N, C-alpha and C. Protein backbone atom coordinates (compact mmCIF):
# COMPACT_ATOMS: atom_id res chain seq x y z
N MET A 1 -5.11 -53.73 20.60
CA MET A 1 -5.03 -52.29 20.81
C MET A 1 -4.90 -51.60 19.45
N THR A 2 -5.69 -50.57 19.24
CA THR A 2 -5.67 -49.82 17.99
C THR A 2 -4.73 -48.63 18.13
N THR A 3 -3.89 -48.45 17.14
CA THR A 3 -2.99 -47.31 17.12
C THR A 3 -3.62 -46.20 16.28
N THR A 4 -3.64 -45.01 16.82
CA THR A 4 -4.17 -43.86 16.10
C THR A 4 -3.01 -43.16 15.41
N THR A 5 -3.17 -42.94 14.11
CA THR A 5 -2.13 -42.26 13.34
C THR A 5 -2.73 -41.19 12.46
N TRP A 6 -1.86 -40.28 12.05
CA TRP A 6 -2.18 -39.33 11.01
C TRP A 6 -1.40 -39.76 9.78
N GLY A 7 -1.94 -39.45 8.62
CA GLY A 7 -1.23 -39.75 7.39
C GLY A 7 -0.87 -38.48 6.65
N THR A 8 0.30 -38.51 6.01
CA THR A 8 0.71 -37.43 5.13
C THR A 8 1.37 -38.09 3.93
N TYR A 9 1.71 -37.32 2.96
CA TYR A 9 2.32 -37.87 1.76
C TYR A 9 3.68 -37.23 1.52
N VAL A 10 4.64 -38.07 1.20
CA VAL A 10 5.99 -37.64 0.87
C VAL A 10 6.33 -38.31 -0.46
N ASP A 11 6.59 -37.49 -1.47
CA ASP A 11 6.87 -38.01 -2.82
C ASP A 11 5.80 -38.99 -3.28
N GLY A 12 4.54 -38.68 -2.97
CA GLY A 12 3.42 -39.50 -3.42
C GLY A 12 3.17 -40.74 -2.58
N GLU A 13 4.01 -41.00 -1.60
CA GLU A 13 3.85 -42.18 -0.74
C GLU A 13 3.24 -41.77 0.59
N ARG A 14 2.26 -42.54 1.03
CA ARG A 14 1.63 -42.26 2.33
C ARG A 14 2.59 -42.62 3.46
N VAL A 15 2.71 -41.70 4.42
CA VAL A 15 3.55 -41.88 5.59
C VAL A 15 2.67 -41.74 6.82
N GLU A 16 2.76 -42.68 7.74
CA GLU A 16 1.98 -42.63 8.97
C GLU A 16 2.77 -41.91 10.05
N LEU A 17 2.09 -41.04 10.78
CA LEU A 17 2.69 -40.31 11.90
C LEU A 17 1.88 -40.60 13.16
N PRO A 18 2.53 -40.62 14.31
CA PRO A 18 1.79 -40.84 15.55
C PRO A 18 0.82 -39.69 15.78
N ALA A 19 -0.34 -40.00 16.40
CA ALA A 19 -1.36 -38.98 16.54
C ALA A 19 -1.89 -38.82 17.97
N THR A 20 -1.35 -39.55 18.91
CA THR A 20 -1.77 -39.34 20.29
C THR A 20 -0.62 -38.69 21.05
N ILE A 21 -0.95 -38.03 22.15
CA ILE A 21 0.08 -37.39 22.94
C ILE A 21 1.12 -38.41 23.37
N ASP A 22 0.68 -39.55 23.89
CA ASP A 22 1.63 -40.58 24.35
C ASP A 22 2.49 -41.12 23.21
N ASP A 23 1.88 -41.37 22.04
CA ASP A 23 2.65 -41.94 20.93
C ASP A 23 3.64 -40.93 20.34
N ILE A 24 3.22 -39.67 20.26
CA ILE A 24 4.14 -38.64 19.76
C ILE A 24 5.32 -38.51 20.72
N ARG A 25 5.02 -38.42 22.00
CA ARG A 25 6.08 -38.29 23.00
C ARG A 25 7.05 -39.46 22.91
N ALA A 26 6.55 -40.68 22.79
CA ALA A 26 7.40 -41.87 22.72
C ALA A 26 8.26 -41.88 21.46
N ALA A 27 7.76 -41.30 20.37
CA ALA A 27 8.49 -41.31 19.10
C ALA A 27 9.56 -40.22 19.02
N LEU A 28 9.49 -39.26 19.91
CA LEU A 28 10.48 -38.17 19.91
C LEU A 28 11.79 -38.63 20.55
N PRO A 29 12.91 -38.06 20.11
CA PRO A 29 14.16 -38.32 20.82
C PRO A 29 14.03 -37.83 22.26
N ALA A 30 14.68 -38.51 23.18
CA ALA A 30 14.56 -38.20 24.61
C ALA A 30 14.83 -36.72 24.90
N GLU A 31 15.78 -36.12 24.20
CA GLU A 31 16.11 -34.73 24.49
C GLU A 31 15.03 -33.74 24.05
N ARG A 32 14.11 -34.15 23.18
CA ARG A 32 13.02 -33.27 22.72
C ARG A 32 11.78 -33.39 23.59
N ARG A 33 11.67 -34.44 24.39
CA ARG A 33 10.45 -34.68 25.17
C ARG A 33 10.13 -33.58 26.17
N PRO A 34 11.10 -33.00 26.88
CA PRO A 34 10.74 -31.91 27.79
C PRO A 34 10.12 -30.71 27.05
N ASP A 35 10.62 -30.38 25.85
CA ASP A 35 10.04 -29.29 25.06
C ASP A 35 8.60 -29.64 24.66
N PHE A 36 8.40 -30.88 24.26
CA PHE A 36 7.06 -31.34 23.89
C PHE A 36 6.12 -31.24 25.09
N ASP A 37 6.56 -31.72 26.24
CA ASP A 37 5.72 -31.68 27.44
C ASP A 37 5.34 -30.25 27.80
N ARG A 38 6.29 -29.32 27.71
CA ARG A 38 5.99 -27.91 28.01
C ARG A 38 4.98 -27.35 27.01
N ALA A 39 5.18 -27.64 25.73
CA ALA A 39 4.29 -27.12 24.70
C ALA A 39 2.87 -27.65 24.87
N VAL A 40 2.74 -28.94 25.13
CA VAL A 40 1.41 -29.53 25.32
C VAL A 40 0.76 -28.97 26.59
N GLY A 41 1.55 -28.84 27.64
CA GLY A 41 1.01 -28.32 28.89
C GLY A 41 0.53 -26.89 28.80
N ALA A 42 1.11 -26.11 27.91
CA ALA A 42 0.75 -24.70 27.77
C ALA A 42 -0.26 -24.44 26.65
N ALA A 43 -0.60 -25.46 25.90
CA ALA A 43 -1.46 -25.28 24.73
C ALA A 43 -2.90 -24.97 25.11
N ALA A 44 -3.47 -24.03 24.38
CA ALA A 44 -4.90 -23.77 24.50
C ALA A 44 -5.65 -24.93 23.85
N PRO A 45 -6.76 -25.33 24.40
CA PRO A 45 -7.50 -26.47 23.83
C PRO A 45 -7.79 -26.32 22.33
N ALA A 46 -8.13 -25.14 21.90
CA ALA A 46 -8.46 -24.94 20.49
C ALA A 46 -7.26 -25.11 19.58
N ASP A 47 -6.05 -25.00 20.12
CA ASP A 47 -4.83 -25.10 19.33
C ASP A 47 -4.14 -26.46 19.44
N LEU A 48 -4.67 -27.33 20.28
CA LEU A 48 -3.99 -28.59 20.56
C LEU A 48 -3.78 -29.45 19.31
N HIS A 49 -4.77 -29.52 18.44
CA HIS A 49 -4.62 -30.34 17.24
C HIS A 49 -3.50 -29.82 16.34
N LEU A 50 -3.35 -28.50 16.24
CA LEU A 50 -2.27 -27.93 15.44
C LEU A 50 -0.92 -28.22 16.07
N LEU A 51 -0.84 -28.08 17.37
CA LEU A 51 0.39 -28.35 18.09
C LEU A 51 0.80 -29.82 17.93
N LEU A 52 -0.16 -30.72 18.07
CA LEU A 52 0.16 -32.14 17.93
C LEU A 52 0.59 -32.48 16.51
N GLY A 53 -0.02 -31.84 15.52
CA GLY A 53 0.42 -32.05 14.14
C GLY A 53 1.85 -31.61 13.93
N HIS A 54 2.20 -30.47 14.50
CA HIS A 54 3.59 -29.98 14.43
C HIS A 54 4.55 -30.99 15.04
N TRP A 55 4.23 -31.44 16.24
CA TRP A 55 5.13 -32.37 16.94
C TRP A 55 5.14 -33.75 16.30
N ALA A 56 4.04 -34.16 15.69
CA ALA A 56 4.04 -35.44 14.98
C ALA A 56 5.07 -35.40 13.85
N LEU A 57 5.14 -34.27 13.14
CA LEU A 57 6.14 -34.12 12.09
C LEU A 57 7.55 -34.07 12.67
N GLU A 58 7.69 -33.57 13.89
CA GLU A 58 9.01 -33.54 14.54
C GLU A 58 9.54 -34.94 14.81
N THR A 59 8.67 -35.94 14.81
CA THR A 59 9.13 -37.32 15.01
C THR A 59 9.82 -37.87 13.77
N ARG A 60 9.71 -37.15 12.66
CA ARG A 60 10.31 -37.56 11.39
C ARG A 60 11.22 -36.46 10.87
N PRO A 61 12.46 -36.39 11.39
CA PRO A 61 13.39 -35.35 10.95
C PRO A 61 13.64 -35.38 9.44
N ASP A 62 13.52 -36.54 8.82
CA ASP A 62 13.72 -36.63 7.38
C ASP A 62 12.66 -35.82 6.62
N ILE A 63 11.43 -35.85 7.10
CA ILE A 63 10.37 -35.08 6.45
C ILE A 63 10.60 -33.59 6.70
N ARG A 64 10.96 -33.23 7.91
CA ARG A 64 11.23 -31.82 8.24
C ARG A 64 12.37 -31.28 7.37
N ALA A 65 13.44 -32.06 7.22
CA ALA A 65 14.59 -31.61 6.42
C ALA A 65 14.18 -31.42 4.96
N ARG A 66 13.38 -32.33 4.46
CA ARG A 66 12.91 -32.23 3.07
C ARG A 66 12.06 -30.98 2.89
N ASP A 67 11.16 -30.72 3.85
CA ASP A 67 10.32 -29.52 3.77
C ASP A 67 11.17 -28.25 3.81
N GLU A 68 12.14 -28.21 4.70
CA GLU A 68 13.01 -27.03 4.81
C GLU A 68 13.79 -26.80 3.52
N ALA A 69 14.26 -27.88 2.89
CA ALA A 69 14.97 -27.75 1.62
C ALA A 69 14.04 -27.22 0.53
N THR A 70 12.79 -27.68 0.54
CA THR A 70 11.81 -27.20 -0.44
C THR A 70 11.54 -25.71 -0.22
N TYR A 71 11.34 -25.29 1.03
CA TYR A 71 11.10 -23.87 1.31
C TYR A 71 12.29 -23.02 0.87
N ALA A 72 13.50 -23.48 1.15
CA ALA A 72 14.70 -22.73 0.76
C ALA A 72 14.78 -22.60 -0.76
N ARG A 73 14.45 -23.67 -1.47
CA ARG A 73 14.47 -23.64 -2.93
C ARG A 73 13.45 -22.65 -3.47
N LEU A 74 12.23 -22.66 -2.89
CA LEU A 74 11.20 -21.73 -3.33
C LEU A 74 11.59 -20.29 -3.02
N GLU A 75 12.15 -20.06 -1.83
CA GLU A 75 12.58 -18.71 -1.46
C GLU A 75 13.68 -18.20 -2.39
N ALA A 76 14.49 -19.11 -2.93
CA ALA A 76 15.56 -18.73 -3.84
C ALA A 76 15.04 -18.49 -5.26
N GLY A 77 13.74 -18.75 -5.47
CA GLY A 77 13.14 -18.50 -6.77
C GLY A 77 13.07 -19.71 -7.68
N ASP A 78 13.42 -20.88 -7.19
CA ASP A 78 13.34 -22.10 -7.99
C ASP A 78 11.98 -22.75 -7.75
N PHE A 79 11.09 -22.64 -8.72
CA PHE A 79 9.74 -23.17 -8.59
C PHE A 79 9.55 -24.47 -9.37
N THR A 80 10.65 -25.15 -9.68
CA THR A 80 10.60 -26.42 -10.41
C THR A 80 9.72 -27.41 -9.66
N GLY A 81 8.74 -27.97 -10.35
CA GLY A 81 7.87 -28.98 -9.75
C GLY A 81 6.80 -28.42 -8.83
N PHE A 82 6.72 -27.11 -8.69
CA PHE A 82 5.75 -26.48 -7.81
C PHE A 82 4.50 -26.11 -8.59
N THR A 83 3.33 -26.41 -8.03
CA THR A 83 2.07 -26.00 -8.63
C THR A 83 1.33 -25.17 -7.60
N ALA A 84 1.06 -23.93 -7.94
CA ALA A 84 0.32 -23.05 -7.04
C ALA A 84 -1.10 -23.56 -6.88
N ALA A 85 -1.67 -23.37 -5.69
CA ALA A 85 -3.03 -23.87 -5.42
C ALA A 85 -4.03 -23.34 -6.44
N GLU A 86 -3.88 -22.10 -6.85
CA GLU A 86 -4.84 -21.54 -7.81
C GLU A 86 -4.72 -22.15 -9.20
N ASP A 87 -3.63 -22.88 -9.45
CA ASP A 87 -3.45 -23.54 -10.74
C ASP A 87 -3.94 -24.99 -10.75
N LEU A 88 -4.35 -25.49 -9.60
CA LEU A 88 -4.87 -26.86 -9.52
C LEU A 88 -6.25 -26.93 -10.13
N THR A 89 -6.49 -28.01 -10.84
CA THR A 89 -7.82 -28.21 -11.42
C THR A 89 -8.44 -29.44 -10.78
N GLU A 90 -9.61 -29.25 -10.25
CA GLU A 90 -10.37 -30.36 -9.64
C GLU A 90 -11.81 -30.16 -9.81
């Protein structure tokens, strides 16, 4: 059986996230599953991929916490280690 995953990067390291409805649901804490089921059930087809990406990240609270800390730091005006998209060279 092949497992479908999404990949993202945290501190330069690739992290695999579940990418199917069943796998995301299974990876969530039991108390979050009813919220997930409601969100998936109400999702418009065109938005389903965005919704699943959101919930895939919810399976990794450590990544969410790190992102929230980064946002708070940026909002406070600390741009250490931040590169704006327009400053990227490729």
